[in-house]
Each structure stands twice: as C-alpha cells, then as structure tokens.
Protein backbone atom coordinates (compact mmCIF):
# COMPACT_ATOMS: atom_id res chain seq x y z
CA UNK A 1 -12.99 26.09 25.63
CA UNK A 2 -13.30 28.84 28.20
CA UNK A 3 -15.15 26.82 30.79
CA UNK A 4 -12.57 24.05 30.98
CA UNK A 5 -9.36 25.57 29.65
CA UNK A 6 -8.11 26.77 33.01
CA UNK A 7 -8.66 24.17 35.73
CA UNK A 8 -7.05 25.22 38.95
CA UNK A 9 -7.45 28.87 38.14
CA UNK A 10 -8.32 29.51 41.75
CA UNK A 11 -4.78 28.67 42.79
CA UNK A 12 -3.50 31.56 40.68
CA UNK A 13 -6.07 33.91 42.16
CA UNK A 14 -5.48 32.66 45.68
CA UNK A 15 -1.78 33.28 45.33
CA UNK A 16 -2.45 36.67 43.82
CA UNK A 17 -4.70 37.65 46.73
CA UNK A 18 -2.91 35.92 49.58
CA UNK A 19 0.79 36.28 48.80
CA UNK A 20 0.61 40.05 48.35
CA UNK A 21 -1.06 42.82 50.26
CA UNK A 22 -4.69 41.87 49.80
CA UNK A 23 -5.58 45.24 48.31
CA UNK A 24 -3.43 44.46 45.29
CA UNK A 25 -5.82 41.84 43.93
CA UNK A 26 -7.88 44.40 42.09
CA UNK A 27 -5.15 46.90 41.47
CA UNK A 28 -5.03 50.53 42.39
CA UNK A 29 -7.61 51.53 39.82
CA UNK A 30 -7.64 54.28 37.28
CA UNK A 31 -6.25 54.57 33.84
CA UNK A 32 -7.83 51.50 32.32
CA UNK A 33 -10.58 51.30 29.78
CA UNK A 34 -14.07 51.77 31.17
CA UNK A 35 -15.56 49.31 28.68
CA UNK A 36 -13.64 46.05 28.74
CA UNK A 37 -15.92 44.31 26.27
CA UNK A 38 -15.58 47.14 23.81
CA UNK A 39 -11.96 48.29 23.36
CA UNK A 40 -11.34 45.95 20.47
CA UNK A 41 -14.32 47.32 18.59
CA UNK A 42 -13.84 50.89 19.71
CA UNK A 43 -10.19 51.03 18.71
CA UNK A 44 -11.13 50.25 15.14
CA UNK A 45 -13.91 52.76 14.68
CA UNK A 46 -12.34 56.14 15.31
CA UNK A 47 -13.28 57.29 11.81
CA UNK A 48 -16.38 55.20 11.50
CA UNK A 49 -19.56 57.03 10.59
CA UNK A 50 -21.62 54.86 12.88
CA UNK A 51 -21.36 53.72 16.47
CA UNK A 52 -22.17 50.29 17.83
CA UNK A 53 -24.50 50.62 20.78
CA UNK A 54 -24.18 47.16 22.23
CA UNK A 55 -20.97 47.90 24.07
CA UNK A 56 -22.70 50.59 26.13
CA UNK A 57 -26.41 50.13 26.57
CA UNK A 58 -26.42 46.61 25.21
CA UNK A 59 -26.27 44.76 28.49
CA UNK A 60 -29.98 44.09 28.78
CA UNK A 61 -29.85 40.60 27.34
CA UNK A 62 -26.97 39.58 29.53
CA UNK A 63 -28.40 41.23 32.63
CA UNK A 64 -31.75 39.57 32.03
CA UNK A 65 -30.09 36.20 31.67
CA UNK A 66 -27.72 36.62 34.56
CA UNK A 67 -30.09 37.95 37.19
CA UNK A 68 -32.45 34.97 37.06
CA UNK A 69 -36.18 35.41 36.83
CA UNK A 70 -38.05 37.33 39.49
CA UNK A 71 -40.61 34.62 39.97
CA UNK A 72 -38.37 31.59 40.34
CA UNK A 73 -35.70 30.58 42.80
CA UNK A 74 -32.12 31.40 41.97
CA UNK A 75 -29.46 28.82 42.66
CA UNK A 76 -26.46 31.03 43.14
CA UNK A 77 -23.96 28.49 44.43
CA UNK A 78 -23.32 24.80 43.85
CA UNK A 79 -25.17 22.46 46.14
CA UNK A 80 -23.09 21.45 49.16
CA UNK A 81 -22.62 17.76 49.82
CA UNK A 82 -25.52 16.42 51.80
CA UNK A 83 -27.36 19.73 51.89
CA UNK A 84 -29.74 21.98 50.03
CA UNK A 85 -28.60 24.58 47.58
CA UNK A 86 -28.78 28.24 48.48
CA UNK A 87 -31.83 29.87 46.95
CA UNK A 88 -32.99 33.44 46.83
CA UNK A 89 -35.44 35.41 44.76
CA UNK A 90 -33.67 37.81 42.43
CA UNK A 91 -34.83 41.36 41.73
CA UNK A 92 -35.62 42.50 38.20
CA UNK A 93 -32.84 43.66 35.95
CA UNK A 94 -32.26 47.38 35.80
CA UNK A 95 -31.21 49.32 32.73
CA UNK A 96 -28.94 52.22 33.54
CA UNK A 97 -30.66 55.41 32.40
CA UNK A 98 -27.56 57.01 30.95
CA UNK A 99 -25.61 53.92 29.88
CA UNK A 100 -22.36 55.82 29.64
CA UNK A 101 -20.40 53.22 31.54
CA UNK A 102 -20.52 49.45 31.22
CA UNK A 103 -22.83 49.18 34.19
CA UNK A 104 -23.33 46.21 36.44
CA UNK A 105 -22.86 43.00 34.54
CA UNK A 106 -24.77 39.77 34.89
CA UNK A 107 -22.96 37.99 37.68
CA UNK A 108 -23.84 40.87 39.99
CA UNK A 109 -26.98 38.96 40.84
CA UNK A 110 -29.10 39.25 43.95
CA UNK A 111 -27.17 38.74 47.16
CA UNK A 112 -27.80 35.24 48.48
CA UNK A 113 -28.22 34.08 52.02
CA UNK A 114 -25.51 31.47 52.40
CA UNK A 115 -27.31 28.33 53.45
CA UNK A 116 -25.63 25.77 55.63
CA UNK A 117 -26.63 22.08 55.63
CA UNK A 118 -27.82 21.41 59.17
CA UNK A 119 -29.27 17.93 59.45
CA UNK A 120 -31.16 17.26 62.66
CA UNK A 121 -28.97 14.27 63.46
CA UNK A 122 -25.83 16.39 63.24
CA UNK A 123 -27.33 19.09 65.46
CA UNK A 124 -28.20 16.53 68.10
CA UNK A 125 -24.73 15.01 67.89
CA UNK A 126 -23.01 18.39 68.18
CA UNK A 127 -24.91 19.33 71.32
CA UNK A 128 -24.26 22.62 73.08
CA UNK A 129 -20.68 22.89 71.81
CA UNK A 130 -21.86 22.49 68.23
CA UNK A 131 -24.60 25.06 68.79
CA UNK A 132 -22.06 27.55 70.11
CA UNK A 133 -19.82 26.97 67.09
CA UNK A 134 -22.83 27.42 64.81
CA UNK A 135 -23.72 30.69 66.53
CA UNK A 136 -20.20 31.93 65.84
CA UNK A 137 -20.52 30.84 62.21
CA UNK A 138 -23.87 32.62 62.00
CA UNK A 139 -22.32 35.84 63.22
CA UNK A 140 -19.44 35.61 60.75
CA UNK A 141 -21.79 34.75 57.90
CA UNK A 142 -24.04 37.68 58.76
CA UNK A 143 -21.04 39.99 58.78
CA UNK A 144 -19.95 38.72 55.36
CA UNK A 145 -23.44 39.27 53.97
CA UNK A 146 -23.49 42.84 55.26
CA UNK A 147 -20.09 43.51 53.71
CA UNK A 148 -21.24 42.14 50.37
CA UNK A 149 -24.38 44.28 50.48
CA UNK A 150 -22.26 47.35 51.20
CA UNK A 151 -19.89 46.46 48.36
CA UNK A 152 -22.73 45.99 45.92
CA UNK A 153 -24.22 49.35 46.94
CA UNK A 154 -20.85 51.04 46.42
CA UNK A 155 -20.59 49.52 42.95
CA UNK A 156 -24.08 50.73 42.08
CA UNK A 157 -23.11 54.22 43.31
CA UNK A 158 -19.99 54.11 41.11
CA UNK A 159 -17.60 54.03 44.06
CA UNK A 160 -15.27 51.23 42.91
CA UNK A 161 -12.37 51.96 45.26
CA UNK A 162 -14.64 51.77 48.29
CA UNK A 163 -16.23 48.57 46.98
CA UNK A 164 -12.80 47.03 46.48
CA UNK A 165 -11.77 47.59 50.10
CA UNK A 166 -15.04 46.17 51.40
CA UNK A 167 -14.75 43.08 49.20
CA UNK A 168 -11.28 42.33 50.51
CA UNK A 169 -12.63 42.48 54.05
CA UNK A 170 -15.39 40.06 53.03
CA UNK A 171 -12.89 37.72 51.38
CA UNK A 172 -10.66 37.70 54.45
CA UNK A 173 -13.60 36.74 56.66
CA UNK A 174 -14.76 34.10 54.18
CA UNK A 175 -11.33 32.45 54.23
CA UNK A 176 -11.09 32.65 58.01
CA UNK A 177 -14.45 30.92 58.38
CA UNK A 178 -13.77 28.50 55.48
CA UNK A 179 -17.11 29.48 53.92
CA UNK A 180 -16.60 28.27 50.36
CA UNK A 181 -19.87 29.73 49.13
CA UNK A 182 -18.89 33.12 50.48
CA UNK A 183 -15.43 32.78 48.93
CA UNK A 184 -16.96 31.93 45.56
CA UNK A 185 -19.47 34.76 45.62
CA UNK A 186 -16.88 37.29 46.80
CA UNK A 187 -14.49 36.27 44.03
CA UNK A 188 -17.39 36.68 41.63
CA UNK A 189 -18.08 40.24 42.78
CA UNK A 190 -14.38 41.08 42.77
CA UNK A 191 -14.05 39.76 39.23
CA UNK A 192 -16.99 41.84 38.03
CA UNK A 193 -15.62 44.94 39.70
CA UNK A 194 -12.24 44.46 38.03
CA UNK A 195 -14.02 43.77 34.74
CA UNK A 196 -16.11 46.94 34.71
CA UNK A 197 -13.03 48.96 35.72
CA UNK A 198 -11.10 47.59 32.76
CA UNK A 199 -8.56 45.76 34.96
CA UNK A 200 -8.60 42.82 32.60
CA UNK A 201 -5.69 40.74 33.88
CA UNK A 202 -7.05 40.86 37.41
CA UNK A 203 -10.57 40.12 36.18
CA UNK A 204 -9.33 37.11 34.24
CA UNK A 205 -7.64 35.59 37.31
CA UNK A 206 -10.67 36.20 39.49
CA UNK A 207 -13.19 34.87 36.95
CA UNK A 208 -11.09 31.72 36.59
CA UNK A 209 -11.05 31.34 40.36
CA UNK A 210 -14.83 31.72 40.52
CA UNK A 211 -15.31 29.20 37.73
CA UNK A 212 -12.96 26.72 39.34
CA UNK A 213 -14.84 26.89 42.65
CA UNK A 214 -18.19 26.48 40.88
CA UNK A 215 -17.06 23.50 38.81
CA UNK A 216 -15.31 21.98 41.81
CA UNK A 217 -18.54 22.27 43.77
CA UNK A 218 -20.45 20.21 41.23
CA UNK A 219 -21.88 22.85 38.89
CA UNK A 220 -22.19 21.58 35.33
CA UNK A 221 -20.21 23.09 32.48
CA UNK A 222 -23.41 24.06 30.65
CA UNK A 223 -24.89 25.96 33.59
CA UNK A 224 -25.73 29.54 32.65
CA UNK A 225 -23.41 30.87 35.36
CA UNK A 226 -20.45 29.07 33.76
CA UNK A 227 -21.44 30.33 30.31
CA UNK A 228 -21.67 33.90 31.64
CA UNK A 229 -18.14 33.74 33.01
CA UNK A 230 -16.88 32.11 29.81
CA UNK A 231 -18.41 34.94 27.79
CA UNK A 232 -16.62 37.51 29.91
CA UNK A 233 -13.34 35.65 29.54
CA UNK A 234 -13.84 35.60 25.77
CA UNK A 235 -14.47 39.36 25.82
CA UNK A 236 -11.31 39.87 27.87
CA UNK A 237 -9.28 37.81 25.39
CA UNK A 238 -10.74 39.81 22.50
CA UNK A 239 -9.78 43.09 24.18
CA UNK A 240 -6.26 41.73 24.74
CA UNK A 241 -6.00 40.60 21.10
CA UNK A 242 -5.71 36.95 22.15
CA UNK A 243 -7.73 35.93 19.14
CA UNK A 244 -7.48 32.15 19.38
CA UNK A 245 -8.78 32.14 22.96
CA UNK A 246 -11.48 34.69 22.14
CA UNK A 247 -12.76 32.70 19.18
CA UNK A 248 -12.78 29.45 21.16
CA UNK A 249 -14.62 31.16 24.00
CA UNK A 250 -17.38 32.69 21.88
CA UNK A 251 -17.90 29.46 19.95
CA UNK A 252 -18.00 27.42 23.17
CA UNK A 253 -20.66 29.70 24.68
CA UNK A 254 -22.86 29.66 21.59
CA UNK A 255 -22.59 25.95 20.78
CA UNK A 256 -23.13 24.95 24.42
CA UNK A 257 -26.24 27.11 24.75
CA UNK A 258 -27.67 25.99 21.41
CA UNK A 259 -27.25 22.35 22.44
CA UNK A 260 -28.77 23.05 25.84
CA UNK A 261 -31.78 24.80 24.32
CA UNK A 262 -32.34 21.93 21.89
CA UNK A 263 -32.28 19.36 24.71
CA UNK A 264 -34.55 21.40 26.98
CA UNK A 265 -37.18 22.58 24.52
CA UNK A 266 -39.49 19.59 25.07
CA UNK A 267 -39.19 19.58 28.87
CA UNK A 268 -42.46 20.13 30.73
CA UNK A 269 -42.89 23.36 32.68
CA UNK A 270 -42.93 21.53 36.01
CA UNK A 271 -39.39 20.36 35.21
CA UNK A 272 -38.07 23.56 33.64
CA UNK A 273 -40.10 26.77 33.80
CA UNK A 274 -40.85 29.04 30.86
CA UNK A 275 -38.84 31.78 32.56
CA UNK A 276 -35.78 29.56 32.91
CA UNK A 277 -35.97 28.61 29.24
CA UNK A 278 -36.31 32.29 28.32
CA UNK A 279 -33.25 33.16 30.41
CA UNK A 280 -31.15 30.66 28.48
CA UNK A 281 -32.41 32.07 25.17
CA UNK A 282 -31.55 35.59 26.31
CA UNK A 283 -28.06 34.54 27.34
CA UNK A 284 -27.61 33.02 23.89
CA UNK A 285 -28.73 36.33 22.41
CA UNK A 286 -26.06 38.20 24.34
CA UNK A 287 -23.40 35.69 23.30
CA UNK A 288 -24.41 36.15 19.66
CA UNK A 289 -24.31 39.93 20.11
CA UNK A 290 -20.82 39.84 21.64
CA UNK A 291 -19.55 37.45 18.96
CA UNK A 292 -21.02 39.68 16.24
CA UNK A 293 -19.04 42.67 17.55
CA UNK A 294 -15.90 40.54 17.61
CA UNK A 295 -16.50 39.41 14.02
CA UNK A 296 -17.16 42.95 12.84
CA UNK A 297 -13.91 44.15 14.37
CA UNK A 298 -12.18 41.17 12.74
CA UNK A 299 -13.40 42.44 9.36
CA UNK A 300 -15.94 39.64 8.91
CA UNK A 301 -19.14 41.70 8.49
CA UNK A 302 -21.19 39.06 6.68
CA UNK A 303 -20.66 36.59 9.53
CA UNK A 304 -21.34 39.34 12.05
CA UNK A 305 -24.60 40.05 10.23
CA UNK A 306 -25.76 36.46 10.72
CA UNK A 307 -25.01 36.63 14.44
CA UNK A 308 -26.88 39.93 14.80
CA UNK A 309 -29.87 38.55 12.92
CA UNK A 310 -30.08 35.60 15.31
CA UNK A 311 -29.66 37.85 18.36
CA UNK A 312 -32.34 40.23 17.09
CA UNK A 313 -34.76 37.37 16.51
CA UNK A 314 -34.29 36.16 20.09
CA UNK A 315 -34.72 39.65 21.50
CA UNK A 316 -37.89 40.27 19.50
CA UNK A 317 -39.38 36.93 20.57
CA UNK A 318 -38.52 37.19 24.28
CA UNK A 319 -38.41 40.92 25.01
CA UNK A 320 -40.57 42.37 22.24
CA UNK A 321 -39.99 44.82 19.41
CA UNK A 322 -40.20 47.93 21.58
CA UNK A 323 -37.74 46.79 24.23
CA UNK A 324 -34.61 49.02 24.42
CA UNK A 325 -32.33 46.04 23.81
CA UNK A 326 -34.22 45.01 20.68
CA UNK A 327 -33.93 48.54 19.32
CA UNK A 328 -30.18 48.53 20.02
CA UNK A 329 -29.77 45.29 18.09
CA UNK A 330 -31.72 46.69 15.13
CA UNK A 331 -29.30 49.60 14.99
CA UNK A 332 -26.25 47.38 15.34
CA UNK A 333 -27.50 45.09 12.58
CA UNK A 334 -27.93 48.20 10.43
CA UNK A 335 -24.33 49.26 11.04
CA UNK A 336 -23.17 45.78 10.00
CA UNK A 337 -25.16 46.00 6.77
CA UNK A 338 -23.79 49.49 6.24
CA UNK A 339 -20.24 48.16 6.58
CA UNK A 340 -20.94 45.81 3.67
CA UNK A 341 -22.36 48.57 1.48
CA UNK A 342 -25.95 47.38 1.84
CA UNK A 343 -27.12 50.93 2.45
CA UNK A 344 -30.79 50.54 1.53
CA UNK A 345 -31.32 47.54 3.80
CA UNK A 346 -29.32 49.22 6.56
CA UNK A 347 -31.49 52.30 6.28
CA UNK A 348 -34.66 50.26 6.76
CA UNK A 349 -33.39 48.79 10.04
CA UNK A 350 -31.91 51.97 11.46
CA UNK A 351 -34.98 54.04 10.49
CA UNK A 352 -37.22 51.56 12.30
CA UNK A 353 -34.90 51.57 15.31
CA UNK A 354 -34.92 55.38 15.42
CA UNK A 355 -38.70 55.58 15.12
CA UNK A 356 -39.19 53.09 17.95
CA UNK A 357 -36.56 54.87 20.05
CA UNK A 358 -38.46 58.14 19.73
CA UNK A 359 -41.69 56.43 20.76
CA UNK A 360 -40.28 54.92 23.95
CA UNK A 361 -37.85 57.78 24.76
CA UNK A 362 -34.89 55.44 24.45
CA UNK A 363 -31.92 56.47 26.65
CA UNK A 364 -29.57 56.18 23.66
CA UNK A 365 -31.80 58.01 21.17
CA UNK A 366 -29.00 60.42 20.24
CA UNK A 367 -26.72 57.54 19.25
CA UNK A 368 -29.44 55.85 17.24
CA UNK A 369 -30.13 59.09 15.40
CA UNK A 370 -26.42 59.53 14.77
CA UNK A 371 -26.30 56.07 13.20
CA UNK A 372 -29.31 56.91 11.02
CA UNK A 373 -27.64 60.11 9.85
CA UNK A 374 -24.41 58.27 9.02
CA UNK A 375 -26.22 55.77 6.83
CA UNK A 376 -28.16 58.56 5.12
CA UNK A 377 -24.81 60.21 4.43
CA UNK A 378 -23.56 57.02 2.81
CA UNK A 379 -26.64 57.11 0.58
CA UNK A 380 -25.67 60.70 -0.32
CA UNK A 381 -28.86 62.10 1.18
CA UNK A 382 -26.91 64.95 2.72
CA UNK A 383 -29.73 67.37 3.56
CA UNK A 384 -31.66 64.72 5.46
CA UNK A 385 -28.48 63.50 7.17
CA UNK A 386 -27.70 67.02 8.37
CA UNK A 387 -31.19 67.41 9.82
CA UNK A 388 -30.91 64.11 11.72
CA UNK A 389 -27.40 64.91 12.96
CA UNK A 390 -28.64 68.22 14.34
CA UNK A 391 -31.47 66.44 16.15
CA UNK A 392 -28.96 63.91 17.51
CA UNK A 393 -26.71 66.74 18.71
CA UNK A 394 -29.56 68.36 20.64
CA UNK A 395 -30.38 65.04 22.30
CA UNK A 396 -26.72 64.43 23.18
CA UNK A 397 -26.48 67.90 24.71
CA UNK A 398 -29.57 67.21 26.81
CA UNK A 399 -27.88 64.02 28.02
CA UNK A 400 -24.60 65.88 28.59
CA UNK A 401 -22.89 63.08 26.69
CA UNK A 402 -19.62 64.77 25.79
CA UNK A 403 -18.25 61.80 23.84
CA UNK A 404 -21.31 61.69 21.59
CA UNK A 405 -21.36 65.48 21.22
CA UNK A 406 -17.79 65.44 19.93
CA UNK A 407 -18.51 62.50 17.63
CA UNK A 408 -21.60 64.14 16.11
CA UNK A 409 -19.80 67.45 15.57
CA UNK A 410 -17.02 65.62 13.76
CA UNK A 411 -19.59 63.91 11.57
CA UNK A 412 -21.30 67.23 10.80
CA UNK A 413 -17.93 68.63 9.73
CA UNK A 414 -17.37 65.60 7.49
CA UNK A 415 -20.87 66.01 6.09
CA UNK A 416 -20.14 69.65 5.31
CA UNK A 417 -17.00 68.67 3.40
CA UNK A 418 -18.86 66.04 1.39
CA UNK A 419 -21.69 68.45 0.60
CA UNK A 420 -19.20 71.02 -0.67
CA UNK A 421 -17.63 68.50 -3.06
CA UNK A 422 -20.93 67.58 -4.70
C-alpha cells in the first residue's frame, strides 16, 4: 500500500534536489491544476448539475486531523535514538474564508522546535569544544527555523514562488548541518507546496522522501502522519489516472485507521487522550470523503454513498451538525444520491444542508444553494429551482466567485430550456 510501496523514495527526491539546480525540485510553477485532489472529479462534471464541495472547502476534517489537538503535545518527528521526541503545541485549524483554492493541507502543522538529545554525560565529555560545536548547531538550527517560518507565512499569503526559494535555502542548511529532523520537515513543507500548486510529480517524489525519512526514523506505519501522506499519494495517483495505485492507497488508509480505532477504543485517557482518538476518527472521515469522490468519478455511486454516509456520521459525532465540514458532507452525500436518481432523498439532505448553511453564514452557501437548485430541477420543480439559483447567483456575486457565477448562469440557461419544453 501507499505507506510501504516506495521504500527508498528519499533517494529519488535527494537526487532530484541535489543533482540539478536546487530550484528545480518544485518546478517553475504555473500552469498546473490548483486542486490536485480534485481534477479527476472535476474533469468528469463539466455538464453536471451539481458541484461537489469537498474538493474546495472540504479540508476541515483533514486539517483537524493533521494539525494535532491544541491541548496536547504534537510529536512532529520520529524520536531520535537515545533522546526525547520533539514536541510543540499546535494552533487550531483554520478554515479559509473563501475556499477558492485548496488551502493549506494537513501536514502544514505547527512549526516545531527541533530538539536535540543532549545527555548530561555527553555534555561533560564534550567539554568546551563540544559546547562550541553545539553553539554553532544552535545558530544553524535557529536559522532553519526562521526560514521555515518565513516559508509558511509566504504559503499562507499565497506567495508560492517566494516560499519555494526560502524552502530550498532551508533544505540546503539542513543538509549542511546534517539535521535529519529539519530535512524531514522541510521535505514535508516542500511536498505540500508542490501538492497545492498541482505539481503532482514533484509532490509525489517529495512525499515519498518525507515518508521514507519518517519510517526510517522509527515512526510506525499506522501513525496518522504516515496515513496523511498516503492519502495525498492516493489523491495524486487518482488525478494521474493511476487507478490501481489510487485504489490501493485509499483502501490502505481506511483499513489501517479502522483497525487502529478498534484497537485504541478501550484505552484509558491517561494512555491515549480523547482528543487524540478524535483526531484519528477525523482523519478516517477525510479518507472516506476522498475515497467517496474517487468512487463517484469511477461511476460507482452506490459505493460512494456508503463512504459519504460513514464520513458524515463521523463529522456529526466529532464536529457537530452545524460545523461547516458536516454541512459540506451533507451536500456531497445529496449529490451522490442525486447521481443514482434518488431525488427525494437527495433533496432532504441538500435542503437541510442549505438551511444550516444559511444559519451559520457558510462560506460556500452559494454552492450549496446551487446544488439544491440542481436537485430541484431534477425533480422538475422548475419555478423553485429558478428562485434558488437566483439566490445562489447573488451570493456568488457577493463572493466574487467567477467560476461559480459562470456555472450558475449556465444552469439557469439549462433550466430555461427545460421549462420551455414542458
């Protein structure tokens, strides 16, 4: 499966970064899809009446799982031999207010302070010379941390080219100082940057390198960080139409997490906190969501429906009915039911999603309303569909969402044609 299919992936990435001008590792940018988890779905829905939301806003589950809980420590790197693991408190996940680009994905977690095992005996043995060497290492490490902070800020400000240059500087320093934790984390950020820019081949190499370093450092295959990377690799394979790898990846992620949850459910809170258990459930929800989109694109709507139902149940239990992610999943489940001709059941879900979206001022309200109108059109309730489409258009114009504006206008034109024929 994804987590173990590519041992030694770091050699490929190392060669890619080292044997060429270092800037080439992430490519020159531009021209690629802005939604690498979505092209496979998007390419098949040009004439679809509805629009899946999960490939835009639907990152909440994955972000929540990937960013680790606010109240617990986050182990961001494998534990070094003879030392303590690096730990840092992670900030809460943020939902992008406009959600028009993929956004920061889960492995963009809180920046860690790279810990170094420094046993007292070793310090005494090293003496002044060792202290001087450590001071030099401290300075290099501090410089790497500052570079990573700057890169993360550039990514958040949607300045990918600037972030890319900064990350290559960080990687060069990490290699020069042989700081394996810094190398791993920098590869991770580079992979995510390539991923959100749609540079899928580069992202694949860099994710494999990150995974190889993590597994080589002692991280277990079922660790959430490994599952997160495996999920991204599966999404990359799906976008590249590498169906066998995509299917194996999604199934690996889901089966591994389900087994992990079953084994951990009876563990006491002093061994595994409630928040940690919730994070694993949320990651499973995102895996189910991603697999459902893959199945829907593969023309397997009944199987996609089952995945969406499971994902929705998790989201309702952990995040609550009024959470933006839960509302998104309601709408996406409705579109799956709609694809099977179950219009009445679909209408129940999408109507509830739209009502909740209005109540909480959901950032994707216009898309939810558009989905509701499409399903009403399928039920031949044309007057009501037109009214909802017009409301959706106003909301899209307020958001200045040109893609949605064009989509809704096309649907209104189609609705007009259908109304004329009746």
